Amino acid sequence: MVDVLHFKDLVHRLKDPMVAEAHAFVSNADPLLVDLSTVSHDPEPVIQPACPVIGVVTSTTLDQPIPEVVDVVAHSPAEMEILIRACRNSPQAATVLVQVLRHNAGSDVWQGLLTESLAYSTLQHGSTFVNWLGAKKPAAGKAPQDESPVLMARVQDELTVTLNRPALHNAYSAAMRDGLIEALQLALLDQKLRVRLMGNGPSFSAGGDLNEFGEARDAAIAHVTRTARSAAWMMHQLKDRMTVQLHGACIGAGIELPAFCARIEARRDALFRLPEVGFGLVPGAGGTVSVTRRIGRLKTAWFALSDQTIDAVTALEWGLIDSIN
């Protein structure tokens, strides 16, 4: 059982750099838990620890703002156990996630994408991801080679872009990324164009193509490639001219990329997840930037650490989407 600290005790511990370091996962330490009902009126500055700080709600109301040192909030004992388990199962990814979210909460979009890419590339060589990759079963099926993974159709000043790997729930592959970038480039070159993005088949996108996971053997090359050909950055540049229509599974990249757009419409059957921490990674398609800007740092951390699926109604309540059609 992990102790839930009084806020003054947390502050006392984190004033000492040596004590703060001792709570890092490299010391086999659990995340820090703090009772949010004990937060003082004027929280003192502390050293951000190299581990997640979980704020625990122990009363029906919170009288004080949640201090910056808190990374994620557990609203019940069940949520607290989910978050602790996630941190224990993937300590590297959980720690890097909250560090990236701390940084990206105050950075611009491009700096946030750079930070996320560096973190993702580093974690691809971490032991948790390497072990997950070694145990991973090959993903079933491949899309027919003669089909384009991205379709484009222009009618006057509207460009409809359709993800087109329906047999694989539009798994986001390198070829799909390249096709999407090609379409986005057209819109960037023609400022009259508005873009509507959707997906063929039962899902908008079930996230990264598991058949391609682990192909990056050089972290530096992976980072440079990800930032040189960034669909996330292009979607951010086009955000005011883009509408996304979501349905079915919207997992990983399937919500991280849409979250950059000014308008997200979803069908009632849409379901959302950020599962990357369970693999030993962090969201790598821009989610630590885009999702954070829509729902805030604390909710993003809960979403990514808990690996819980949320429905369209919850997504609308959070502000992750803009309407249910």
C-alpha atoms as a PDB file:
ATOM      1  CA  MET A   1       0.000   0.000   0.000  1.00  0.00           C
ATOM      2  CA  VAL A   2       1.341   3.446  -0.945  1.00  0.00           C
ATOM      3  CA  ASP A   3       1.093   6.126   1.745  1.00  0.00           C
ATOM      4  CA  VAL A   4      -1.065   9.159   0.980  1.00  0.00           C
ATOM      5  CA  LEU A   5       0.885  12.176   2.197  1.00  0.00           C
ATOM      6  CA  HIS A   6      -0.295  15.374   3.789  1.00  0.00           C
ATOM      7  CA  PHE A   7       0.610  18.225   1.444  1.00  0.00           C
ATOM      8  CA  LYS A   8       3.053  19.720   3.961  1.00  0.00           C
ATOM      9  CA  ASP A   9       4.881  16.384   4.117  1.00  0.00           C
ATOM     10  CA  LEU A  10       5.116  16.287   0.328  1.00  0.00           C
ATOM     11  CA  VAL A  11       6.537  19.822   0.249  1.00  0.00           C
ATOM     12  CA  HIS A  12       9.056  18.928   2.966  1.00  0.00           C
ATOM     13  CA  ARG A  13      10.277  15.902   1.011  1.00  0.00           C
ATOM     14  CA  LEU A  14      10.566  17.690  -2.294  1.00  0.00           C
ATOM     15  CA  LYS A  15      12.577  20.627  -0.956  1.00  0.00           C
ATOM     16  CA  ASP A  16      15.577  18.299  -0.753  1.00  0.00           C
ATOM     17  CA  PRO A  17      16.978  17.297  -4.180  1.00  0.00           C
ATOM     18  CA  MET A  18      18.373  14.038  -2.785  1.00  0.00           C
ATOM     19  CA  VAL A  19      14.995  13.041  -1.358  1.00  0.00           C
ATOM     20  CA  ALA A  20      13.260  14.025  -4.612  1.00  0.00           C
ATOM     21  CA  GLU A  21      15.697  11.867  -6.568  1.00  0.00           C
ATOM     22  CA  ALA A  22      15.097   8.935  -4.232  1.00  0.00           C
ATOM     23  CA  HIS A  23      11.477   8.809  -5.405  1.00  0.00           C
ATOM     24  CA  ALA A  24      12.468   8.156  -9.031  1.00  0.00           C
ATOM     25  CA  PHE A  25      11.575   4.800 -10.609  1.00  0.00           C
ATOM     26  CA  VAL A  26      15.294   4.010 -10.922  1.00  0.00           C
ATOM     27  CA  SER A  27      15.222   3.667  -7.128  1.00  0.00           C
ATOM     28  CA  ASN A  28      12.259   1.268  -7.414  1.00  0.00           C
ATOM     29  CA  ALA A  29      10.046   3.870  -5.800  1.00  0.00           C
ATOM     30  CA  ASP A  30       6.280   4.094  -6.175  1.00  0.00           C
ATOM     31  CA  PRO A  31       4.576   7.297  -7.348  1.00  0.00           C
ATOM     32  CA  LEU A  32       3.972   9.952  -4.730  1.00  0.00           C
ATOM     33  CA  LEU A  33       0.408  10.342  -3.453  1.00  0.00           C
ATOM     34  CA  VAL A  34      -0.908  13.482  -1.792  1.00  0.00           C
ATOM     35  CA  ASP A  35      -4.243  14.202  -0.108  1.00  0.00           C
ATOM     36  CA  LEU A  36      -5.669  17.204  -1.973  1.00  0.00           C
ATOM     37  CA  SER A  37      -7.840  18.191   0.962  1.00  0.00           C
ATOM     38  CA  THR A  38      -4.653  19.145   2.851  1.00  0.00           C
ATOM     39  CA  VAL A  39      -3.314  21.640   0.278  1.00  0.00           C
ATOM     40  CA  SER A  40      -2.311  24.922   1.935  1.00  0.00           C
ATOM     41  CA  HIS A  41      -3.649  28.310   0.896  1.00  0.00           C
ATOM     42  CA  ASP A  42      -0.277  29.356  -0.514  1.00  0.00           C
ATOM     43  CA  PRO A  43       1.562  26.229  -1.740  1.00  0.00           C
ATOM     44  CA  GLU A  44       5.329  26.518  -1.521  1.00  0.00           C
ATOM     45  CA  PRO A  45       7.484  25.879  -4.615  1.00  0.00           C
ATOM     46  CA  VAL A  46       9.033  22.445  -4.703  1.00  0.00           C
ATOM     47  CA  ILE A  47      11.370  20.415  -6.893  1.00  0.00           C
ATOM     48  CA  GLN A  48       9.408  18.448  -9.481  1.00  0.00           C
ATOM     49  CA  PRO A  49      10.209  14.789  -8.722  1.00  0.00           C
ATOM     50  CA  ALA A  50      11.257  12.222 -11.327  1.00  0.00           C
ATOM     51  CA  CYS A  51       8.044  10.287 -10.733  1.00  0.00           C
ATOM     52  CA  PRO A  52       4.317  10.957 -11.103  1.00  0.00           C
ATOM     53  CA  VAL A  53       2.561  12.806  -8.285  1.00  0.00           C
ATOM     54  CA  ILE A  54      -1.007  11.581  -7.842  1.00  0.00           C
ATOM     55  CA  GLY A  55      -3.448  13.894  -6.128  1.00  0.00           C
ATOM     56  CA  VAL A  56      -6.066  11.961  -4.179  1.00  0.00           C
ATOM     57  CA  VAL A  57      -9.550  13.386  -3.648  1.00  0.00           C
ATOM     58  CA  THR A  58     -10.681  12.395  -0.165  1.00  0.00           C
ATOM     59  CA  SER A  59     -13.592  14.805   0.238  1.00  0.00           C
ATOM     60  CA  THR A  60     -16.552  15.823  -1.885  1.00  0.00           C
ATOM     61  CA  THR A  61     -15.238  19.345  -2.497  1.00  0.00           C
ATOM     62  CA  LEU A  62     -11.807  20.829  -3.152  1.00  0.00           C
ATOM     63  CA  ASP A  63     -11.379  24.217  -1.482  1.00  0.00           C
ATOM     64  CA  GLN A  64      -8.022  25.015  -3.081  1.00  0.00           C
ATOM     65  CA  PRO A  65      -6.697  24.950  -6.647  1.00  0.00           C
ATOM     66  CA  ILE A  66      -4.720  21.847  -7.490  1.00  0.00           C
ATOM     67  CA  PRO A  67      -1.013  22.708  -7.094  1.00  0.00           C
ATOM     68  CA  GLU A  68       1.341  22.488 -10.075  1.00  0.00           C
ATOM     69  CA  VAL A  69       3.333  19.651  -8.501  1.00  0.00           C
ATOM     70  CA  VAL A  70       0.337  17.311  -8.975  1.00  0.00           C
ATOM     71  CA  ASP A  71       0.375  15.422 -12.290  1.00  0.00           C
ATOM     72  CA  VAL A  72      -2.889  13.485 -12.193  1.00  0.00           C
ATOM     73  CA  VAL A  73      -5.950  13.280  -9.947  1.00  0.00           C
ATOM     74  CA  ALA A  74      -7.625  10.150  -8.585  1.00  0.00           C
ATOM     75  CA  HIS A  75     -11.259  10.785  -7.670  1.00  0.00           C
ATOM     76  CA  SER A  76     -11.830   7.406  -5.997  1.00  0.00           C
ATOM     77  CA  PRO A  77      -9.876   4.509  -4.456  1.00  0.00           C
ATOM     78  CA  ALA A  78     -10.482   2.525  -7.646  1.00  0.00           C
ATOM     79  CA  GLU A  79      -8.939   5.266  -9.789  1.00  0.00           C
ATOM     80  CA  MET A  80      -6.020   5.516  -7.383  1.00  0.00           C
ATOM     81  CA  GLU A  81      -5.297   1.787  -7.765  1.00  0.00           C
ATOM     82  CA  ILE A  82      -5.506   2.025 -11.567  1.00  0.00           C
ATOM     83  CA  LEU A  83      -2.964   4.847 -11.612  1.00  0.00           C
ATOM     84  CA  ILE A  84      -0.594   3.167  -9.163  1.00  0.00           C
ATOM     85  CA  ARG A  85      -0.708  -0.044 -11.183  1.00  0.00           C
ATOM     86  CA  ALA A  86       0.052   1.844 -14.398  1.00  0.00           C
ATOM     87  CA  CYS A  87       3.066   3.515 -12.791  1.00  0.00           C
ATOM     88  CA  ARG A  88       4.356   0.192 -11.481  1.00  0.00           C
ATOM     89  CA  ASN A  89       3.840  -1.669 -14.760  1.00  0.00           C
ATOM     90  CA  SER A  90       5.411   1.018 -16.964  1.00  0.00           C
ATOM     91  CA  PRO A  91       7.542   3.174 -14.646  1.00  0.00           C
ATOM     92  CA  GLN A  92       9.749   4.598 -17.385  1.00  0.00           C
ATOM     93  CA  ALA A  93       6.869   5.646 -19.612  1.00  0.00           C
ATOM     94  CA  ALA A  94       4.750   6.951 -16.718  1.00  0.00           C
ATOM     95  CA  THR A  95       7.583   9.172 -15.523  1.00  0.00           C
ATOM     96  CA  VAL A  96       8.496  10.465 -18.960  1.00  0.00           C
ATOM     97  CA  LEU A  97       4.821  11.100 -19.725  1.00  0.00           C
ATOM     98  CA  VAL A  98       4.312  13.422 -16.761  1.00  0.00           C
ATOM     99  CA  GLN A  99       7.619  15.162 -17.443  1.00  0.00           C
ATOM    100  CA  VAL A 100       6.605  15.820 -21.039  1.00  0.00           C
ATOM    101  CA  LEU A 101       3.159  17.035 -19.977  1.00  0.00           C
ATOM    102  CA  ARG A 102       4.723  19.367 -17.402  1.00  0.00           C
ATOM    103  CA  HIS A 103       6.883  20.866 -20.136  1.00  0.00           C
ATOM    104  CA  ASN A 104       4.228  20.994 -22.835  1.00  0.00           C
ATOM    105  CA  ALA A 105       1.652  22.702 -20.626  1.00  0.00           C
ATOM    106  CA  GLY A 106       3.731  25.877 -20.973  1.00  0.00           C
ATOM    107  CA  SER A 107       5.345  25.461 -24.388  1.00  0.00           C
ATOM    108  CA  ASP A 108       4.278  26.377 -27.893  1.00  0.00           C
ATOM    109  CA  VAL A 109       3.079  23.665 -30.266  1.00  0.00           C
ATOM    110  CA  TRP A 110       6.341  23.139 -32.150  1.00  0.00           C
ATOM    111  CA  GLN A 111       8.448  22.953 -28.986  1.00  0.00           C
ATOM    112  CA  GLY A 112       5.926  20.536 -27.544  1.00  0.00           C
ATOM    113  CA  LEU A 113       6.131  18.288 -30.596  1.00  0.00           C
ATOM    114  CA  LEU A 114       9.928  18.298 -30.426  1.00  0.00           C
ATOM    115  CA  THR A 115       9.850  17.322 -26.755  1.00  0.00           C
ATOM    116  CA  GLU A 116       7.306  14.562 -27.352  1.00  0.00           C
ATOM    117  CA  SER A 117       9.331  13.155 -30.250  1.00  0.00           C
ATOM    118  CA  LEU A 118      12.546  13.081 -28.232  1.00  0.00           C
ATOM    119  CA  ALA A 119      10.734  11.320 -25.386  1.00  0.00           C
ATOM    120  CA  TYR A 120       9.049   8.806 -27.685  1.00  0.00           C
ATOM    121  CA  SER A 121      12.299   8.019 -29.506  1.00  0.00           C
ATOM    122  CA  THR A 122      14.106   7.503 -26.209  1.00  0.00           C
ATOM    123  CA  LEU A 123      11.428   5.179 -24.827  1.00  0.00           C
ATOM    124  CA  GLN A 124      11.556   3.020 -27.968  1.00  0.00           C
ATOM    125  CA  HIS A 125      14.865   1.800 -26.557  1.00  0.00           C
ATOM    126  CA  GLY A 126      13.638   1.478 -22.971  1.00  0.00           C
ATOM    127  CA  SER A 127      13.361  -1.928 -21.336  1.00  0.00           C
ATOM    128  CA  THR A 128       9.560  -1.797 -20.931  1.00  0.00           C
ATOM    129  CA  PHE A 129       8.950  -1.273 -24.647  1.00  0.00           C
ATOM    130  CA  VAL A 130      11.652  -3.765 -25.634  1.00  0.00           C
ATOM    131  CA  ASN A 131      10.028  -6.406 -23.410  1.00  0.00           C
ATOM    132  CA  TRP A 132       6.551  -5.581 -24.743  1.00  0.00           C
ATOM    133  CA  LEU A 133       7.834  -5.813 -28.284  1.00  0.00           C
ATOM    134  CA  GLY A 134       9.417  -9.204 -27.617  1.00  0.00           C
ATOM    135  CA  ALA A 135       6.124 -10.579 -26.320  1.00  0.00           C
ATOM    136  CA  LYS A 136       3.934  -8.968 -28.990  1.00  0.00           C
ATOM    137  CA  LYS A 137       2.063 -11.242 -31.328  1.00  0.00           C
ATOM    138  CA  PRO A 138       2.155 -10.265 -35.006  1.00  0.00           C
ATOM    139  CA  ALA A 139      -0.838  -8.168 -35.995  1.00  0.00           C
ATOM    140  CA  ALA A 140      -3.270 -10.035 -38.210  1.00  0.00           C
ATOM    141  CA  GLY A 141      -3.721  -9.125 -41.852  1.00  0.00           C
ATOM    142  CA  LYS A 142      -2.397  -6.547 -44.234  1.00  0.00           C
ATOM    143  CA  ALA A 143      -4.198  -4.076 -46.438  1.00  0.00           C
ATOM    144  CA  PRO A 144      -4.309  -4.958 -50.146  1.00  0.00           C
ATOM    145  CA  GLN A 145      -1.223  -3.560 -51.858  1.00  0.00           C
ATOM    146  CA  ASP A 146      -3.153  -2.008 -54.734  1.00  0.00           C
ATOM    147  CA  GLU A 147      -5.263   0.262 -52.491  1.00  0.00           C
ATOM    148  CA  SER A 148      -4.168   3.736 -51.526  1.00  0.00           C
ATOM    149  CA  PRO A 149      -4.090   4.195 -47.728  1.00  0.00           C
ATOM    150  CA  VAL A 150      -5.389   7.754 -48.142  1.00  0.00           C
ATOM    151  CA  LEU A 151      -7.981   8.944 -50.656  1.00  0.00           C
ATOM    152  CA  MET A 152      -8.494  12.543 -51.771  1.00  0.00           C
ATOM    153  CA  ALA A 153     -11.438  14.164 -53.517  1.00  0.00           C
ATOM    154  CA  ARG A 154     -11.810  17.875 -54.222  1.00  0.00           C
ATOM    155  CA  VAL A 155     -15.128  19.597 -54.868  1.00  0.00           C
ATOM    156  CA  GLN A 156     -14.666  23.328 -55.427  1.00  0.00           C
ATOM    157  CA  ASP A 157     -12.890  24.607 -52.304  1.00  0.00           C
ATOM    158  CA  GLU A 158     -13.374  21.534 -50.102  1.00  0.00           C
ATOM    159  CA  LEU A 159     -10.858  18.694 -50.013  1.00  0.00           C
ATOM    160  CA  THR A 160     -12.185  15.451 -48.521  1.00  0.00           C
ATOM    161  CA  VAL A 161      -9.397  13.231 -47.162  1.00  0.00           C
ATOM    162  CA  THR A 162     -10.311   9.656 -46.288  1.00  0.00           C
ATOM    163  CA  LEU A 163      -8.176   7.146 -44.378  1.00  0.00           C
ATOM    164  CA  ASN A 164      -8.506   3.959 -46.375  1.00  0.00           C
ATOM    165  CA  ARG A 165      -7.324   0.814 -44.601  1.00  0.00           C
ATOM    166  CA  PRO A 166     -10.760  -0.373 -43.460  1.00  0.00           C
ATOM    167  CA  ALA A 167      -9.758  -4.032 -43.013  1.00  0.00           C
ATOM    168  CA  LEU A 168      -7.250  -2.905 -40.357  1.00  0.00           C
ATOM    169  CA  HIS A 169      -9.475  -0.232 -38.793  1.00  0.00           C
ATOM    170  CA  ASN A 170      -7.299   2.371 -40.532  1.00  0.00           C
ATOM    171  CA  ALA A 171      -4.179   1.460 -38.586  1.00  0.00           C
ATOM    172  CA  TYR A 172      -1.829   4.420 -38.916  1.00  0.00           C
ATOM    173  CA  SER A 173       1.157   3.231 -40.961  1.00  0.00           C
ATOM    174  CA  ALA A 174       4.105   5.071 -42.493  1.00  0.00           C
ATOM    175  CA  ALA A 175       2.370   4.894 -45.873  1.00  0.00           C
ATOM    176  CA  MET A 176      -0.818   6.377 -44.402  1.00  0.00           C
ATOM    177  CA  ARG A 177       1.211   9.143 -42.764  1.00  0.00           C
ATOM    178  CA  ASP A 178       2.852   9.942 -46.112  1.00  0.00           C
ATOM    179  CA  GLY A 179      -0.517   9.991 -47.884  1.00  0.00           C
ATOM    180  CA  LEU A 180      -2.009  12.238 -45.220  1.00  0.00           C
ATOM    181  CA  ILE A 181       0.957  14.611 -45.439  1.00  0.00           C
ATOM    182  CA  GLU A 182       0.549  14.789 -49.213  1.00  0.00           C
ATOM    183  CA  ALA A 183      -3.090  15.809 -48.782  1.00  0.00           C
ATOM    184  CA  LEU A 184      -2.304  18.342 -46.071  1.00  0.00           C
ATOM    185  CA  GLN A 185       0.422  19.837 -48.218  1.00  0.00           C
ATOM    186  CA  LEU A 186      -2.130  20.554 -50.947  1.00  0.00           C
ATOM    187  CA  ALA A 187      -4.220  22.501 -48.458  1.00  0.00           C
ATOM    188  CA  LEU A 188      -1.241  24.417 -47.153  1.00  0.00           C
ATOM    189  CA  LEU A 189      -0.387  25.504 -50.692  1.00  0.00           C
ATOM    190  CA  ASP A 190      -3.961  26.589 -51.451  1.00  0.00           C
ATOM    191  CA  GLN A 191      -5.341  28.834 -48.731  1.00  0.00           C
ATOM    192  CA  LYS A 192      -8.850  28.643 -50.186  1.00  0.00           C
ATOM    193  CA  LEU A 193      -9.123  24.931 -49.424  1.00  0.00           C
ATOM    194  CA  ARG A 194     -11.047  23.632 -46.451  1.00  0.00           C
ATOM    195  CA  VAL A 195     -10.294  20.050 -45.407  1.00  0.00           C
ATOM    196  CA  ARG A 196     -12.686  17.371 -44.172  1.00  0.00           C
ATOM    197  CA  LEU A 197     -10.944  14.297 -42.732  1.00  0.00           C
ATOM    198  CA  MET A 198     -12.742  10.974 -42.214  1.00  0.00           C
ATOM    199  CA  GLY A 199     -12.107   7.229 -42.244  1.00  0.00           C
ATOM    200  CA  ASN A 200     -13.479   4.324 -44.283  1.00  0.00           C
ATOM    201  CA  GLY A 201     -14.795   1.181 -42.606  1.00  0.00           C
ATOM    202  CA  PRO A 202     -15.816   0.482 -39.002  1.00  0.00           C
ATOM    203  CA  SER A 203     -13.350   2.897 -37.360  1.00  0.00           C
ATOM    204  CA  PHE A 204     -11.770   6.256 -37.933  1.00  0.00           C
ATOM    205  CA  SER A 205      -8.394   4.868 -36.816  1.00  0.00           C
ATOM    206  CA  ALA A 206      -7.315   2.254 -34.294  1.00  0.00           C
ATOM    207  CA  GLY A 207      -3.940   3.941 -33.915  1.00  0.00           C
ATOM    208  CA  GLY A 208      -0.420   2.984 -34.878  1.00  0.00           C
ATOM    209  CA  ASP A 209       0.091  -0.064 -37.098  1.00  0.00           C
ATOM    210  CA  LEU A 210       1.434  -2.749 -34.753  1.00  0.00           C
ATOM    211  CA  ASN A 211       3.130  -4.440 -37.707  1.00  0.00           C
ATOM    212  CA  GLU A 212       5.502  -1.463 -37.834  1.00  0.00           C
ATOM    213  CA  PHE A 213       6.167  -1.090 -34.104  1.00  0.00           C
ATOM    214  CA  GLY A 214       9.816  -1.568 -33.233  1.00  0.00           C
ATOM    215  CA  GLU A 215      11.183  -0.918 -36.717  1.00  0.00           C
ATOM    216  CA  ALA A 216      13.070   2.185 -35.569  1.00  0.00           C
ATOM    217  CA  ARG A 217      16.523   0.992 -34.493  1.00  0.00           C
ATOM    218  CA  ASP A 218      18.177   4.415 -34.227  1.00  0.00           C
ATOM    219  CA  ALA A 219      16.570   6.872 -31.814  1.00  0.00           C
ATOM    220  CA  ALA A 220      18.178   9.926 -33.421  1.00  0.00           C
ATOM    221  CA  ILE A 221      17.006   8.994 -36.928  1.00  0.00           C
ATOM    222  CA  ALA A 222      13.530   8.200 -35.610  1.00  0.00           C
ATOM    223  CA  HIS A 223      13.296  11.623 -33.970  1.00  0.00           C
ATOM    224  CA  VAL A 224      14.521  13.536 -37.017  1.00  0.00           C
ATOM    225  CA  THR A 225      12.166  11.589 -39.304  1.00  0.00           C
ATOM    226  CA  ARG A 226       9.187  12.204 -37.030  1.00  0.00           C
ATOM    227  CA  THR A 227       9.802  15.950 -36.869  1.00  0.00           C
ATOM    228  CA  ALA A 228      10.792  16.380 -40.531  1.00  0.00           C
ATOM    229  CA  ARG A 229       7.524  14.778 -41.721  1.00  0.00           C
ATOM    230  CA  SER A 230       5.031  15.809 -39.069  1.00  0.00           C
ATOM    231  CA  ALA A 231       1.350  15.434 -39.870  1.00  0.00           C
ATOM    232  CA  ALA A 232       0.663  16.867 -36.416  1.00  0.00           C
ATOM    233  CA  TRP A 233       2.431  20.140 -37.181  1.00  0.00           C
ATOM    234  CA  MET A 234       0.676  20.451 -40.533  1.00  0.00           C
ATOM    235  CA  MET A 235      -2.725  19.813 -38.964  1.00  0.00           C
ATOM    236  CA  HIS A 236      -2.012  22.465 -36.375  1.00  0.00           C
ATOM    237  CA  GLN A 237      -1.201  24.923 -39.172  1.00  0.00           C
ATOM    238  CA  LEU A 238      -4.462  24.028 -40.909  1.00  0.00           C
ATOM    239  CA  LYS A 239      -6.572  23.708 -37.768  1.00  0.00           C
ATOM    240  CA  ASP A 240      -8.976  26.565 -38.548  1.00  0.00           C
ATOM    241  CA  ARG A 241      -9.673  25.079 -41.987  1.00  0.00           C
ATOM    242  CA  MET A 242     -10.079  21.463 -40.892  1.00  0.00           C
ATOM    243  CA  THR A 243     -13.083  19.453 -39.741  1.00  0.00           C
ATOM    244  CA  VAL A 244     -12.690  15.836 -38.636  1.00  0.00           C
ATOM    245  CA  GLN A 245     -15.484  13.263 -38.567  1.00  0.00           C
ATOM    246  CA  LEU A 246     -14.854  10.446 -36.089  1.00  0.00           C
ATOM    247  CA  HIS A 247     -16.536   7.086 -35.578  1.00  0.00           C
ATOM    248  CA  GLY A 248     -15.775   3.699 -34.073  1.00  0.00           C
ATOM    249  CA  ALA A 249     -12.301   3.229 -32.603  1.00  0.00           C
ATOM    250  CA  CYS A 250     -10.342   6.461 -32.227  1.00  0.00           C
ATOM    251  CA  ILE A 251      -7.217   5.188 -30.517  1.00  0.00           C
ATOM    252  CA  GLY A 252      -3.773   6.752 -30.149  1.00  0.00           C
ATOM    253  CA  ALA A 253      -3.084   8.664 -33.357  1.00  0.00           C
ATOM    254  CA  GLY A 254      -6.802   8.279 -34.096  1.00  0.00           C
ATOM    255  CA  ILE A 255      -7.535  11.030 -31.554  1.00  0.00           C
ATOM    256  CA  GLU A 256      -4.133  12.687 -31.145  1.00  0.00           C
ATOM    257  CA  LEU A 257      -4.121  14.042 -34.711  1.00  0.00           C
ATOM    258  CA  PRO A 258      -7.801  15.109 -34.832  1.00  0.00           C
ATOM    259  CA  ALA A 259      -7.354  16.981 -31.540  1.00  0.00           C
ATOM    260  CA  PHE A 260      -5.269  19.588 -33.381  1.00  0.00           C
ATOM    261  CA  CYS A 261      -8.291  20.633 -35.457  1.00  0.00           C
ATOM    262  CA  ALA A 262     -10.687  23.404 -34.553  1.00  0.00           C
ATOM    263  CA  ARG A 263     -13.736  21.244 -35.247  1.00  0.00           C
ATOM    264  CA  ILE A 264     -14.191  17.576 -34.292  1.00  0.00           C
ATOM    265  CA  GLU A 265     -17.521  15.884 -34.987  1.00  0.00           C
ATOM    266  CA  ALA A 266     -18.090  12.348 -33.704  1.00  0.00           C
ATOM    267  CA  ARG A 267     -20.740   9.706 -34.110  1.00  0.00           C
ATOM    268  CA  ARG A 268     -22.270   8.310 -30.950  1.00  0.00           C
ATOM    269  CA  ASP A 269     -20.386   5.014 -31.456  1.00  0.00           C
ATOM    270  CA  ALA A 270     -16.967   6.697 -31.222  1.00  0.00           C
ATOM    271  CA  LEU A 271     -14.630   5.363 -28.509  1.00  0.00           C
ATOM    272  CA  PHE A 272     -11.359   6.938 -27.401  1.00  0.00           C
ATOM    273  CA  ARG A 273      -8.140   5.568 -25.821  1.00  0.00           C
ATOM    274  CA  LEU A 274      -4.502   6.522 -25.318  1.00  0.00           C
ATOM    275  CA  PRO A 275      -2.843   3.112 -24.731  1.00  0.00           C
ATOM    276  CA  GLU A 276       0.823   3.948 -25.350  1.00  0.00           C
ATOM    277  CA  VAL A 277       2.020   3.975 -21.729  1.00  0.00           C
ATOM    278  CA  GLY A 278       1.063   0.303 -21.463  1.00  0.00           C
ATOM    279  CA  PHE A 279       3.525  -0.412 -24.280  1.00  0.00           C
ATOM    280  CA  GLY A 280       6.290   1.494 -22.494  1.00  0.00           C
ATOM    281  CA  LEU A 281       5.839   4.607 -24.659  1.00  0.00           C
ATOM    282  CA  VAL A 282       4.091   7.972 -24.553  1.00  0.00           C
ATOM    283  CA  PRO A 283       1.611   9.296 -27.124  1.00  0.00           C
ATOM    284  CA  GLY A 284       3.741   9.887 -30.202  1.00  0.00           C
ATOM    285  CA  ALA A 285       1.446  11.424 -32.818  1.00  0.00           C
ATOM    286  CA  GLY A 286       1.226  14.781 -31.060  1.00  0.00           C
ATOM    287  CA  GLY A 287      -1.176  13.855 -28.274  1.00  0.00           C
ATOM    288  CA  THR A 288       0.846  15.357 -25.420  1.00  0.00           C
ATOM    289  CA  VAL A 289       0.340  18.664 -27.219  1.00  0.00           C
ATOM    290  CA  SER A 290      -3.060  18.431 -28.907  1.00  0.00           C
ATOM    291  CA  VAL A 291      -5.015  16.550 -26.265  1.00  0.00           C
ATOM    292  CA  THR A 292      -3.514  18.676 -23.485  1.00  0.00           C
ATOM    293  CA  ARG A 293      -4.686  21.838 -25.214  1.00  0.00           C
ATOM    294  CA  ARG A 294      -8.220  20.468 -25.392  1.00  0.00           C
ATOM    295  CA  ILE A 295      -8.697  18.873 -21.972  1.00  0.00           C
ATOM    296  CA  GLY A 296      -5.793  20.099 -19.831  1.00  0.00           C
ATOM    297  CA  ARG A 297      -2.688  18.462 -18.386  1.00  0.00           C
ATOM    298  CA  LEU A 298      -4.349  16.620 -15.493  1.00  0.00           C
ATOM    299  CA  LYS A 299      -7.042  14.934 -17.584  1.00  0.00           C
ATOM    300  CA  THR A 300      -4.521  14.067 -20.302  1.00  0.00           C
ATOM    301  CA  ALA A 301      -2.315  12.365 -17.727  1.00  0.00           C
ATOM    302  CA  TRP A 302      -5.298  10.394 -16.382  1.00  0.00           C
ATOM    303  CA  PHE A 303      -6.381   9.446 -19.905  1.00  0.00           C
ATOM    304  CA  ALA A 304      -2.907   8.198 -20.860  1.00  0.00           C
ATOM    305  CA  LEU A 305      -1.955   6.523 -17.566  1.00  0.00           C
ATOM    306  CA  SER A 306      -5.274   4.799 -16.909  1.00  0.00           C
ATOM    307  CA  ASP A 307      -5.667   3.353 -20.456  1.00  0.00           C
ATOM    308  CA  GLN A 308      -9.400   3.674 -19.921  1.00  0.00           C
ATOM    309  CA  THR A 309     -11.774   3.874 -22.867  1.00  0.00           C
ATOM    310  CA  ILE A 310     -14.082   6.876 -22.859  1.00  0.00           C
ATOM    311  CA  ASP A 311     -17.225   7.234 -24.936  1.00  0.00           C
ATOM    312  CA  ALA A 312     -18.419  10.102 -27.089  1.00  0.00           C
ATOM    313  CA  VAL A 313     -20.566  11.611 -24.335  1.00  0.00           C
ATOM    314  CA  THR A 314     -17.610  11.792 -21.944  1.00  0.00           C
ATOM    315  CA  ALA A 315     -15.365  13.121 -24.705  1.00  0.00           C
ATOM    316  CA  LEU A 316     -17.860  15.902 -25.366  1.00  0.00           C
ATOM    317  CA  GLU A 317     -18.092  16.750 -21.661  1.00  0.00           C
ATOM    318  CA  TRP A 318     -14.295  16.997 -21.482  1.00  0.00           C
ATOM    319  CA  GLY A 319     -14.008  19.111 -24.630  1.00  0.00           C
ATOM    320  CA  LEU A 320     -12.057  16.441 -26.476  1.00  0.00           C
ATOM    321  CA  ILE A 321     -14.655  16.628 -29.273  1.00  0.00           C
ATOM    322  CA  ASP A 322     -17.032  19.410 -30.282  1.00  0.00           C
ATOM    323  CA  SER A 323     -20.261  17.635 -31.217  1.00  0.00           C
ATOM    324  CA  ILE A 324     -22.006  14.255 -31.459  1.00  0.00           C
ATOM    325  CA  ASN A 325     -23.830  13.655 -34.722  1.00  0.00           C
END
